[in-house]
């Protein structure tokens, strides 16, 4: 038994605000992820230094995840695990 989230391909990405993205997965789940805490290291330093480069994020359908022009990418499993639902579930009142 494993606690790992399943790998679900990313099919769409949209930048919402500084380092916050909305990701749509192949199972139609939509999550919002704040990437700022994970943007460190050699691959991600250019994205922090140049917000225009960060905004150039796109989906690589072959890799099933998001990528940037400088070659940086983030695993779809991490995106699925760290993301929170884009639209919170509402509790309906029965009164």
PDB file of N, CA and C in Angstrom:
ATOM      1  N   UNK A   1       0.852  -1.188   0.000  1.00  0.00           N
ATOM      2  CA  UNK A   1       0.000   0.000   0.000  1.00  0.00           C
ATOM      3  C   UNK A   1       0.890   1.242   0.000  1.00  0.00           C
ATOM      4  N   UNK A   2       0.476   2.226  -0.740  1.00  0.00           N
ATOM      5  CA  UNK A   2       1.275   3.450  -0.845  1.00  0.00           C
ATOM      6  C   UNK A   2       0.407   4.671  -0.584  1.00  0.00           C
ATOM      7  N   UNK A   3       1.037   5.710  -0.065  1.00  0.00           N
ATOM      8  CA  UNK A   3       0.327   6.954   0.211  1.00  0.00           C
ATOM      9  C   UNK A   3       0.504   7.958  -0.923  1.00  0.00           C
ATOM     10  N   UNK A   4       1.164   7.554  -2.001  1.00  0.00           N
ATOM     11  CA  UNK A   4       1.399   8.475  -3.107  1.00  0.00           C
ATOM     12  C   UNK A   4       0.107   8.781  -3.842  1.00  0.00           C
ATOM     13  N   UNK A   5      -0.027  10.032  -4.227  1.00  0.00           N
ATOM     14  CA  UNK A   5      -1.160  10.425  -5.068  1.00  0.00           C
ATOM     15  C   UNK A   5      -0.955   9.787  -6.435  1.00  0.00           C
ATOM     16  N   UNK A   6      -2.027   9.480  -7.121  1.00  0.00           N
ATOM     17  CA  UNK A   6      -1.868   8.927  -8.467  1.00  0.00           C
ATOM     18  C   UNK A   6      -1.292   9.984  -9.408  1.00  0.00           C
ATOM     19  N   UNK A   7      -0.654   9.519 -10.456  1.00  0.00           N
ATOM     20  CA  UNK A   7      -0.162  10.452 -11.463  1.00  0.00           C
ATOM     21  C   UNK A   7      -1.285  10.679 -12.466  1.00  0.00           C
ATOM     22  N   UNK A   8      -1.783  11.904 -12.483  1.00  0.00           N
ATOM     23  CA  UNK A   8      -2.831  12.293 -13.420  1.00  0.00           C
ATOM     24  C   UNK A   8      -2.251  13.419 -14.270  1.00  0.00           C
ATOM     25  N   UNK A   9      -2.287  13.245 -15.587  1.00  0.00           N
ATOM     26  CA  UNK A   9      -1.703  14.246 -16.482  1.00  0.00           C
ATOM     27  C   UNK A   9      -2.380  15.605 -16.348  1.00  0.00           C
ATOM     28  N   UNK A  10      -1.574  16.641 -16.501  1.00  0.00           N
ATOM     29  CA  UNK A  10      -2.072  18.010 -16.557  1.00  0.00           C
ATOM     30  C   UNK A  10      -2.487  18.283 -18.001  1.00  0.00           C
ATOM     31  N   UNK A  11      -3.671  18.875 -18.175  1.00  0.00           N
ATOM     32  CA  UNK A  11      -4.150  19.185 -19.531  1.00  0.00           C
ATOM     33  C   UNK A  11      -4.297  20.681 -19.788  1.00  0.00           C
ATOM     34  N   UNK A  12      -4.295  21.494 -18.729  1.00  0.00           N
ATOM     35  CA  UNK A  12      -4.391  22.949 -18.904  1.00  0.00           C
ATOM     36  C   UNK A  12      -3.762  23.647 -17.706  1.00  0.00           C
ATOM     37  N   UNK A  13      -3.235  24.845 -17.953  1.00  0.00           N
ATOM     38  CA  UNK A  13      -2.659  25.654 -16.881  1.00  0.00           C
ATOM     39  C   UNK A  13      -2.979  27.112 -17.156  1.00  0.00           C
ATOM     40  N   UNK A  14      -3.199  27.839 -16.071  1.00  0.00           N
ATOM     41  CA  UNK A  14      -3.489  29.271 -16.176  1.00  0.00           C
ATOM     42  C   UNK A  14      -2.844  29.966 -14.984  1.00  0.00           C
ATOM     43  N   UNK A  15      -2.117  31.059 -15.236  1.00  0.00           N
ATOM     44  CA  UNK A  15      -1.526  31.849 -14.157  1.00  0.00           C
ATOM     45  C   UNK A  15      -2.619  32.752 -13.601  1.00  0.00           C
ATOM     46  N   UNK A  16      -2.852  32.661 -12.283  1.00  0.00           N
ATOM     47  CA  UNK A  16      -3.887  33.470 -11.641  1.00  0.00           C
ATOM     48  C   UNK A  16      -3.316  34.752 -11.056  1.00  0.00           C
ATOM     49  N   UNK A  17      -2.182  34.640 -10.397  1.00  0.00           N
ATOM     50  CA  UNK A  17      -1.500  35.796  -9.813  1.00  0.00           C
ATOM     51  C   UNK A  17      -0.057  35.381  -9.564  1.00  0.00           C
ATOM     52  N   UNK A  18       0.686  36.220  -8.898  1.00  0.00           N
ATOM     53  CA  UNK A  18       2.122  35.971  -8.749  1.00  0.00           C
ATOM     54  C   UNK A  18       2.403  34.592  -8.158  1.00  0.00           C
ATOM     55  N   UNK A  19       2.920  33.695  -8.996  1.00  0.00           N
ATOM     56  CA  UNK A  19       3.320  32.327  -8.644  1.00  0.00           C
ATOM     57  C   UNK A  19       2.163  31.415  -8.253  1.00  0.00           C
ATOM     58  N   UNK A  20       0.944  31.854  -8.473  1.00  0.00           N
ATOM     59  CA  UNK A  20      -0.231  31.013  -8.207  1.00  0.00           C
ATOM     60  C   UNK A  20      -0.841  30.622  -9.544  1.00  0.00           C
ATOM     61  N   UNK A  21      -0.998  29.317  -9.720  1.00  0.00           N
ATOM     62  CA  UNK A  21      -1.540  28.813 -10.974  1.00  0.00           C
ATOM     63  C   UNK A  21      -2.789  27.969 -10.726  1.00  0.00           C
ATOM     64  N   UNK A  22      -3.581  27.855 -11.768  1.00  0.00           N
ATOM     65  CA  UNK A  22      -4.723  26.946 -11.762  1.00  0.00           C
ATOM     66  C   UNK A  22      -4.392  25.850 -12.772  1.00  0.00           C
ATOM     67  N   UNK A  23      -4.510  24.610 -12.330  1.00  0.00           N
ATOM     68  CA  UNK A  23      -4.163  23.471 -13.165  1.00  0.00           C
ATOM     69  C   UNK A  23      -5.389  22.590 -13.334  1.00  0.00           C
ATOM     70  N   UNK A  24      -5.646  22.170 -14.569  1.00  0.00           N
ATOM     71  CA  UNK A  24      -6.706  21.208 -14.852  1.00  0.00           C
ATOM     72  C   UNK A  24      -6.049  19.874 -15.191  1.00  0.00           C
ATOM     73  N   UNK A  25      -6.526  18.828 -14.524  1.00  0.00           N
ATOM     74  CA  UNK A  25      -5.986  17.489 -14.726  1.00  0.00           C
ATOM     75  C   UNK A  25      -6.873  16.701 -15.687  1.00  0.00           C
ATOM     76  N   UNK A  26      -6.335  15.601 -16.201  1.00  0.00           N
ATOM     77  CA  UNK A  26      -7.045  14.771 -17.178  1.00  0.00           C
ATOM     78  C   UNK A  26      -8.335  14.178 -16.618  1.00  0.00           C
ATOM     79  N   UNK A  27      -8.443  14.084 -15.298  1.00  0.00           N
ATOM     80  CA  UNK A  27      -9.674  13.559 -14.678  1.00  0.00           C
ATOM     81  C   UNK A  27     -10.685  14.680 -14.414  1.00  0.00           C
ATOM     82  N   UNK A  28     -10.473  15.863 -15.011  1.00  0.00           N
ATOM     83  CA  UNK A  28     -11.327  17.051 -14.900  1.00  0.00           C
ATOM     84  C   UNK A  28     -11.251  17.746 -13.545  1.00  0.00           C
ATOM     85  N   UNK A  29     -10.364  17.308 -12.677  1.00  0.00           N
ATOM     86  CA  UNK A  29     -10.178  18.005 -11.401  1.00  0.00           C
ATOM     87  C   UNK A  29      -9.383  19.284 -11.670  1.00  0.00           C
ATOM     88  N   UNK A  30      -9.805  20.375 -11.027  1.00  0.00           N
ATOM     89  CA  UNK A  30      -9.134  21.665 -11.167  1.00  0.00           C
ATOM     90  C   UNK A  30      -8.609  22.065  -9.802  1.00  0.00           C
ATOM     91  N   UNK A  31      -7.313  22.386  -9.749  1.00  0.00           N
ATOM     92  CA  UNK A  31      -6.694  22.765  -8.474  1.00  0.00           C
ATOM     93  C   UNK A  31      -5.921  24.059  -8.632  1.00  0.00           C
ATOM     94  N   UNK A  32      -5.806  24.773  -7.520  1.00  0.00           N
ATOM     95  CA  UNK A  32      -5.024  26.010  -7.443  1.00  0.00           C
ATOM     96  C   UNK A  32      -3.791  25.707  -6.605  1.00  0.00           C
ATOM     97  N   UNK A  33      -2.643  26.126  -7.115  1.00  0.00           N
ATOM     98  CA  UNK A  33      -1.384  25.823  -6.426  1.00  0.00           C
ATOM     99  C   UNK A  33      -0.542  27.083  -6.328  1.00  0.00           C
ATOM    100  N   UNK A  34      -0.045  27.359  -5.120  1.00  0.00           N
ATOM    101  CA  UNK A  34       0.922  28.434  -4.902  1.00  0.00           C
ATOM    102  C   UNK A  34       2.297  27.810  -5.069  1.00  0.00           C
ATOM    103  N   UNK A  35       2.974  28.140  -6.144  1.00  0.00           N
ATOM    104  CA  UNK A  35       4.270  27.529  -6.436  1.00  0.00           C
ATOM    105  C   UNK A  35       5.450  28.223  -5.774  1.00  0.00           C
ATOM    106  N   UNK A  36       5.231  29.391  -5.205  1.00  0.00           N
ATOM    107  CA  UNK A  36       6.364  30.145  -4.650  1.00  0.00           C
ATOM    108  C   UNK A  36       7.238  29.306  -3.702  1.00  0.00           C
ATOM    109  N   UNK A  37       6.659  28.498  -2.800  1.00  0.00           N
ATOM    110  CA  UNK A  37       7.506  27.722  -1.888  1.00  0.00           C
ATOM    111  C   UNK A  37       8.385  26.671  -2.575  1.00  0.00           C
ATOM    112  N   UNK A  38       8.057  26.276  -3.785  1.00  0.00           N
ATOM    113  CA  UNK A  38       8.846  25.241  -4.457  1.00  0.00           C
ATOM    114  C   UNK A  38       9.760  25.782  -5.545  1.00  0.00           C
ATOM    115  N   UNK A  39       9.706  27.084  -5.777  1.00  0.00           N
ATOM    116  CA  UNK A  39      10.535  27.684  -6.828  1.00  0.00           C
ATOM    117  C   UNK A  39      11.915  28.048  -6.291  1.00  0.00           C
ATOM    118  N   UNK A  40      12.723  27.033  -6.046  1.00  0.00           N
ATOM    119  CA  UNK A  40      14.090  27.258  -5.587  1.00  0.00           C
ATOM    120  C   UNK A  40      14.997  26.288  -6.335  1.00  0.00           C
ATOM    121  N   UNK A  41      16.265  26.585  -6.336  1.00  0.00           N
ATOM    122  CA  UNK A  41      17.222  25.753  -7.047  1.00  0.00           C
ATOM    123  C   UNK A  41      17.522  26.325  -8.422  1.00  0.00           C
ATOM    124  N   UNK A  42      18.481  25.710  -9.068  1.00  0.00           N
ATOM    125  CA  UNK A  42      19.012  26.218 -10.334  1.00  0.00           C
ATOM    126  C   UNK A  42      17.957  26.313 -11.432  1.00  0.00           C
ATOM    127  N   UNK A  43      17.078  25.329 -11.539  1.00  0.00           N
ATOM    128  CA  UNK A  43      16.078  25.323 -12.614  1.00  0.00           C
ATOM    129  C   UNK A  43      15.017  26.406 -12.427  1.00  0.00           C
ATOM    130  N   UNK A  44      14.688  26.699 -11.161  1.00  0.00           N
ATOM    131  CA  UNK A  44      13.587  27.620 -10.891  1.00  0.00           C
ATOM    132  C   UNK A  44      14.023  29.054 -10.611  1.00  0.00           C
ATOM    133  N   UNK A  45      15.293  29.287 -10.318  1.00  0.00           N
ATOM    134  CA  UNK A  45      15.780  30.643 -10.021  1.00  0.00           C
ATOM    135  C   UNK A  45      15.426  31.640 -11.126  1.00  0.00           C
ATOM    136  N   UNK A  46      15.555  31.280 -12.411  1.00  0.00           N
ATOM    137  CA  UNK A  46      15.184  32.237 -13.466  1.00  0.00           C
ATOM    138  C   UNK A  46      13.700  32.609 -13.433  1.00  0.00           C
ATOM    139  N   UNK A  47      12.846  31.695 -12.974  1.00  0.00           N
ATOM    140  CA  UNK A  47      11.406  31.971 -12.914  1.00  0.00           C
ATOM    141  C   UNK A  47      11.079  32.974 -11.814  1.00  0.00           C
ATOM    142  N   UNK A  48      11.845  32.920 -10.743  1.00  0.00           N
ATOM    143  CA  UNK A  48      11.657  33.869  -9.645  1.00  0.00           C
ATOM    144  C   UNK A  48      12.206  35.233 -10.045  1.00  0.00           C
ATOM    145  N   UNK A  49      13.325  35.232 -10.762  1.00  0.00           N
ATOM    146  CA  UNK A  49      13.969  36.486 -11.166  1.00  0.00           C
ATOM    147  C   UNK A  49      13.202  37.205 -12.274  1.00  0.00           C
ATOM    148  N   UNK A  50      12.446  36.450 -13.088  1.00  0.00           N
ATOM    149  CA  UNK A  50      11.780  37.033 -14.256  1.00  0.00           C
ATOM    150  C   UNK A  50      10.334  36.542 -14.298  1.00  0.00           C
ATOM    151  N   UNK A  51       9.418  37.364 -13.788  1.00  0.00           N
ATOM    152  CA  UNK A  51       8.011  36.969 -13.723  1.00  0.00           C
ATOM    153  C   UNK A  51       7.421  36.739 -15.112  1.00  0.00           C
ATOM    154  N   UNK A  52       7.914  37.449 -16.117  1.00  0.00           N
ATOM    155  CA  UNK A  52       7.435  37.213 -17.487  1.00  0.00           C
ATOM    156  C   UNK A  52       7.769  35.786 -17.920  1.00  0.00           C
ATOM    157  N   UNK A  53       8.933  35.293 -17.534  1.00  0.00           N
ATOM    158  CA  UNK A  53       9.311  33.912 -17.837  1.00  0.00           C
ATOM    159  C   UNK A  53       8.390  32.942 -17.089  1.00  0.00           C
ATOM    160  N   UNK A  54       8.095  33.242 -15.832  1.00  0.00           N
ATOM    161  CA  UNK A  54       7.174  32.391 -15.070  1.00  0.00           C
ATOM    162  C   UNK A  54       5.828  32.287 -15.786  1.00  0.00           C
ATOM    163  N   UNK A  55       5.342  33.426 -16.287  1.00  0.00           N
ATOM    164  CA  UNK A  55       4.032  33.454 -16.946  1.00  0.00           C
ATOM    165  C   UNK A  55       4.027  32.701 -18.277  1.00  0.00           C
ATOM    166  N   UNK A  56       5.189  32.322 -18.772  1.00  0.00           N
ATOM    167  CA  UNK A  56       5.276  31.573 -20.032  1.00  0.00           C
ATOM    168  C   UNK A  56       5.054  30.071 -19.819  1.00  0.00           C
ATOM    169  N   UNK A  57       4.583  29.684 -18.651  1.00  0.00           N
ATOM    170  CA  UNK A  57       4.307  28.273 -18.355  1.00  0.00           C
ATOM    171  C   UNK A  57       3.303  27.724 -19.363  1.00  0.00           C
ATOM    172  N   UNK A  58       3.490  26.465 -19.725  1.00  0.00           N
ATOM    173  CA  UNK A  58       2.567  25.806 -20.644  1.00  0.00           C
ATOM    174  C   UNK A  58       2.509  24.320 -20.298  1.00  0.00           C
ATOM    175  N   UNK A  59       1.551  23.635 -20.884  1.00  0.00           N
ATOM    176  CA  UNK A  59       1.439  22.191 -20.696  1.00  0.00           C
ATOM    177  C   UNK A  59       2.224  21.496 -21.801  1.00  0.00           C
ATOM    178  N   UNK A  60       3.038  20.539 -21.406  1.00  0.00           N
ATOM    179  CA  UNK A  60       3.702  19.661 -22.365  1.00  0.00           C
ATOM    180  C   UNK A  60       2.886  18.375 -22.409  1.00  0.00           C
ATOM    181  N   UNK A  61       2.098  18.150 -23.459  1.00  0.00           N
ATOM    182  CA  UNK A  61       1.230  16.974 -23.489  1.00  0.00           C
ATOM    183  C   UNK A  61       1.995  15.657 -23.476  1.00  0.00           C
ATOM    184  N   UNK A  62       3.222  15.650 -23.979  1.00  0.00           N
ATOM    185  CA  UNK A  62       4.016  14.420 -23.958  1.00  0.00           C
ATOM    186  C   UNK A  62       4.466  14.072 -22.547  1.00  0.00           C
ATOM    187  N   UNK A  63       4.815  15.098 -21.765  1.00  0.00           N
ATOM    188  CA  UNK A  63       5.255  14.882 -20.381  1.00  0.00           C
ATOM    189  C   UNK A  63       4.073  14.813 -19.420  1.00  0.00           C
ATOM    190  N   UNK A  64       2.932  15.377 -19.821  1.00  0.00           N
ATOM    191  CA  UNK A  64       1.750  15.360 -18.958  1.00  0.00           C
ATOM    192  C   UNK A  64       1.847  16.308 -17.785  1.00  0.00           C
ATOM    193  N   UNK A  65       2.654  17.352 -17.936  1.00  0.00           N
ATOM    194  CA  UNK A  65       2.815  18.303 -16.841  1.00  0.00           C
ATOM    195  C   UNK A  65       3.127  19.687 -17.391  1.00  0.00           C
ATOM    196  N   UNK A  66       3.377  20.630 -16.464  1.00  0.00           N
ATOM    197  CA  UNK A  66       3.694  21.997 -16.861  1.00  0.00           C
ATOM    198  C   UNK A  66       5.195  22.157 -17.051  1.00  0.00           C
ATOM    199  N   UNK A  67       5.547  23.006 -18.012  1.00  0.00           N
ATOM    200  CA  UNK A  67       6.956  23.275 -18.316  1.00  0.00           C
ATOM    201  C   UNK A  67       7.130  24.757 -18.624  1.00  0.00           C
ATOM    202  N   UNK A  68       8.374  25.207 -18.524  1.00  0.00           N
ATOM    203  CA  UNK A  68       8.729  26.578 -18.863  1.00  0.00           C
ATOM    204  C   UNK A  68       9.754  26.562 -19.985  1.00  0.00           C
ATOM    205  N   UNK A  69       9.913  27.695 -20.678  1.00  0.00           N
ATOM    206  CA  UNK A  69      10.869  27.753 -21.792  1.00  0.00           C
ATOM    207  C   UNK A  69      12.308  27.411 -21.402  1.00  0.00           C
ATOM    208  N   UNK A  70      12.672  27.607 -20.139  1.00  0.00           N
ATOM    209  CA  UNK A  70      14.044  27.303 -19.720  1.00  0.00           C
ATOM    210  C   UNK A  70      14.236  25.817 -19.392  1.00  0.00           C
ATOM    211  N   UNK A  71      13.198  24.998 -19.592  1.00  0.00           N
ATOM    212  CA  UNK A  71      13.311  23.560 -19.347  1.00  0.00           C
ATOM    213  C   UNK A  71      12.830  23.112 -17.980  1.00  0.00           C
ATOM    214  N   UNK A  72      12.516  24.039 -17.092  1.00  0.00           N
ATOM    215  CA  UNK A  72      12.022  23.669 -15.765  1.00  0.00           C
ATOM    216  C   UNK A  72      10.647  23.010 -15.886  1.00  0.00           C
ATOM    217  N   UNK A  73      10.393  22.046 -15.022  1.00  0.00           N
ATOM    218  CA  UNK A  73       9.073  21.427 -14.961  1.00  0.00           C
ATOM    219  C   UNK A  73       8.793  20.985 -13.535  1.00  0.00           C
ATOM    220  N   UNK A  74       7.545  20.653 -13.273  1.00  0.00           N
ATOM    221  CA  UNK A  74       7.133  20.187 -11.940  1.00  0.00           C
ATOM    222  C   UNK A  74       6.292  18.945 -12.154  1.00  0.00           C
ATOM    223  N   UNK A  75       6.530  17.934 -11.337  1.00  0.00           N
ATOM    224  CA  UNK A  75       5.825  16.669 -11.524  1.00  0.00           C
ATOM    225  C   UNK A  75       4.324  16.838 -11.333  1.00  0.00           C
ATOM    226  N   UNK A  76       3.539  16.149 -12.151  1.00  0.00           N
ATOM    227  CA  UNK A  76       2.081  16.241 -12.006  1.00  0.00           C
ATOM    228  C   UNK A  76       1.613  15.696 -10.659  1.00  0.00           C
ATOM    229  N   UNK A  77       2.341  14.718 -10.119  1.00  0.00           N
ATOM    230  CA  UNK A  77       1.970  14.175  -8.805  1.00  0.00           C
ATOM    231  C   UNK A  77       2.073  15.256  -7.732  1.00  0.00           C
ATOM    232  N   UNK A  78       3.171  16.039  -7.760  1.00  0.00           N
ATOM    233  CA  UNK A  78       3.347  17.108  -6.775  1.00  0.00           C
ATOM    234  C   UNK A  78       2.259  18.158  -6.940  1.00  0.00           C
ATOM    235  N   UNK A  79       1.926  18.504  -8.172  1.00  0.00           N
ATOM    236  CA  UNK A  79       0.882  19.498  -8.404  1.00  0.00           C
ATOM    237  C   UNK A  79      -0.457  19.010  -7.856  1.00  0.00           C
ATOM    238  N   UNK A  80      -0.750  17.745  -8.074  1.00  0.00           N
ATOM    239  CA  UNK A  80      -2.014  17.162  -7.605  1.00  0.00           C
ATOM    240  C   UNK A  80      -2.045  17.129  -6.078  1.00  0.00           C
ATOM    241  N   UNK A  81      -0.905  16.773  -5.486  1.00  0.00           N
ATOM    242  CA  UNK A  81      -0.807  16.657  -4.027  1.00  0.00           C
ATOM    243  C   UNK A  81      -0.873  18.011  -3.329  1.00  0.00           C
ATOM    244  N   UNK A  82      -0.165  19.006  -3.867  1.00  0.00           N
ATOM    245  CA  UNK A  82      -0.065  20.321  -3.203  1.00  0.00           C
ATOM    246  C   UNK A  82      -1.234  21.244  -3.525  1.00  0.00           C
ATOM    247  N   UNK A  83      -1.933  20.963  -4.614  1.00  0.00           N
ATOM    248  CA  UNK A  83      -3.030  21.834  -5.019  1.00  0.00           C
ATOM    249  C   UNK A  83      -4.242  21.710  -4.116  1.00  0.00           C
ATOM    250  N   UNK A  84      -5.051  22.752  -4.141  1.00  0.00           N
ATOM    251  CA  UNK A  84      -6.318  22.706  -3.403  1.00  0.00           C
ATOM    252  C   UNK A  84      -7.438  22.927  -4.416  1.00  0.00           C
ATOM    253  N   UNK A  85      -8.605  22.394  -4.148  1.00  0.00           N
ATOM    254  CA  UNK A  85      -9.690  22.538  -5.122  1.00  0.00           C
ATOM    255  C   UNK A  85      -9.914  23.994  -5.507  1.00  0.00           C
ATOM    256  N   UNK A  86     -10.095  24.228  -6.792  1.00  0.00           N
ATOM    257  CA  UNK A  86     -10.282  25.594  -7.284  1.00  0.00           C
ATOM    258  C   UNK A  86     -11.595  26.182  -6.814  1.00  0.00           C
ATOM    259  N   UNK A  87     -12.613  25.343  -6.682  1.00  0.00           N
ATOM    260  CA  UNK A  87     -13.916  25.795  -6.210  1.00  0.00           C
ATOM    261  C   UNK A  87     -14.257  24.970  -4.970  1.00  0.00           C
ATOM    262  N   UNK A  88     -14.318  25.612  -3.803  1.00  0.00           N
ATOM    263  CA  UNK A  88     -14.620  24.855  -2.589  1.00  0.00           C
ATOM    264  C   UNK A  88     -15.991  24.205  -2.674  1.00  0.00           C
ATOM    265  N   UNK A  89     -16.083  23.029  -2.084  1.00  0.00           N
ATOM    266  CA  UNK A  89     -17.379  22.360  -2.018  1.00  0.00           C
ATOM    267  C   UNK A  89     -18.295  23.151  -1.086  1.00  0.00           C
ATOM    268  N   UNK A  90     -19.528  23.281  -1.481  1.00  0.00           N
ATOM    269  CA  UNK A  90     -20.508  24.008  -0.653  1.00  0.00           C
ATOM    270  C   UNK A  90     -21.410  23.015   0.038  1.00  0.00           C
ATOM    271  N   UNK A  91     -21.697  23.297   1.279  1.00  0.00           N
ATOM    272  CA  UNK A  91     -22.648  22.489   2.019  1.00  0.00           C
ATOM    273  C   UNK A  91     -24.030  23.097   1.826  1.00  0.00           C
ATOM    274  N   UNK A  92     -24.953  22.296   1.375  1.00  0.00           N
ATOM    275  CA  UNK A  92     -26.312  22.795   1.143  1.00  0.00           C
ATOM    276  C   UNK A  92     -27.144  22.621   2.402  1.00  0.00           C
ATOM    277  N   UNK A  93     -27.821  23.663   2.762  1.00  0.00           N
ATOM    278  CA  UNK A  93     -28.685  23.623   3.938  1.00  0.00           C
ATOM    279  C   UNK A  93     -30.000  22.958   3.567  1.00  0.00           C
ATOM    280  N   UNK A  94     -30.527  22.173   4.481  1.00  0.00           N
ATOM    281  CA  UNK A  94     -31.802  21.501   4.236  1.00  0.00           C
ATOM    282  C   UNK A  94     -32.942  22.218   4.957  1.00  0.00           C
ATOM    283  N   UNK A  95     -32.664  23.367   5.557  1.00  0.00           N
ATOM    284  CA  UNK A  95     -33.709  24.088   6.279  1.00  0.00           C
ATOM    285  C   UNK A  95     -34.382  25.106   5.407  1.00  0.00           C
TER     286      UNK A  95
END
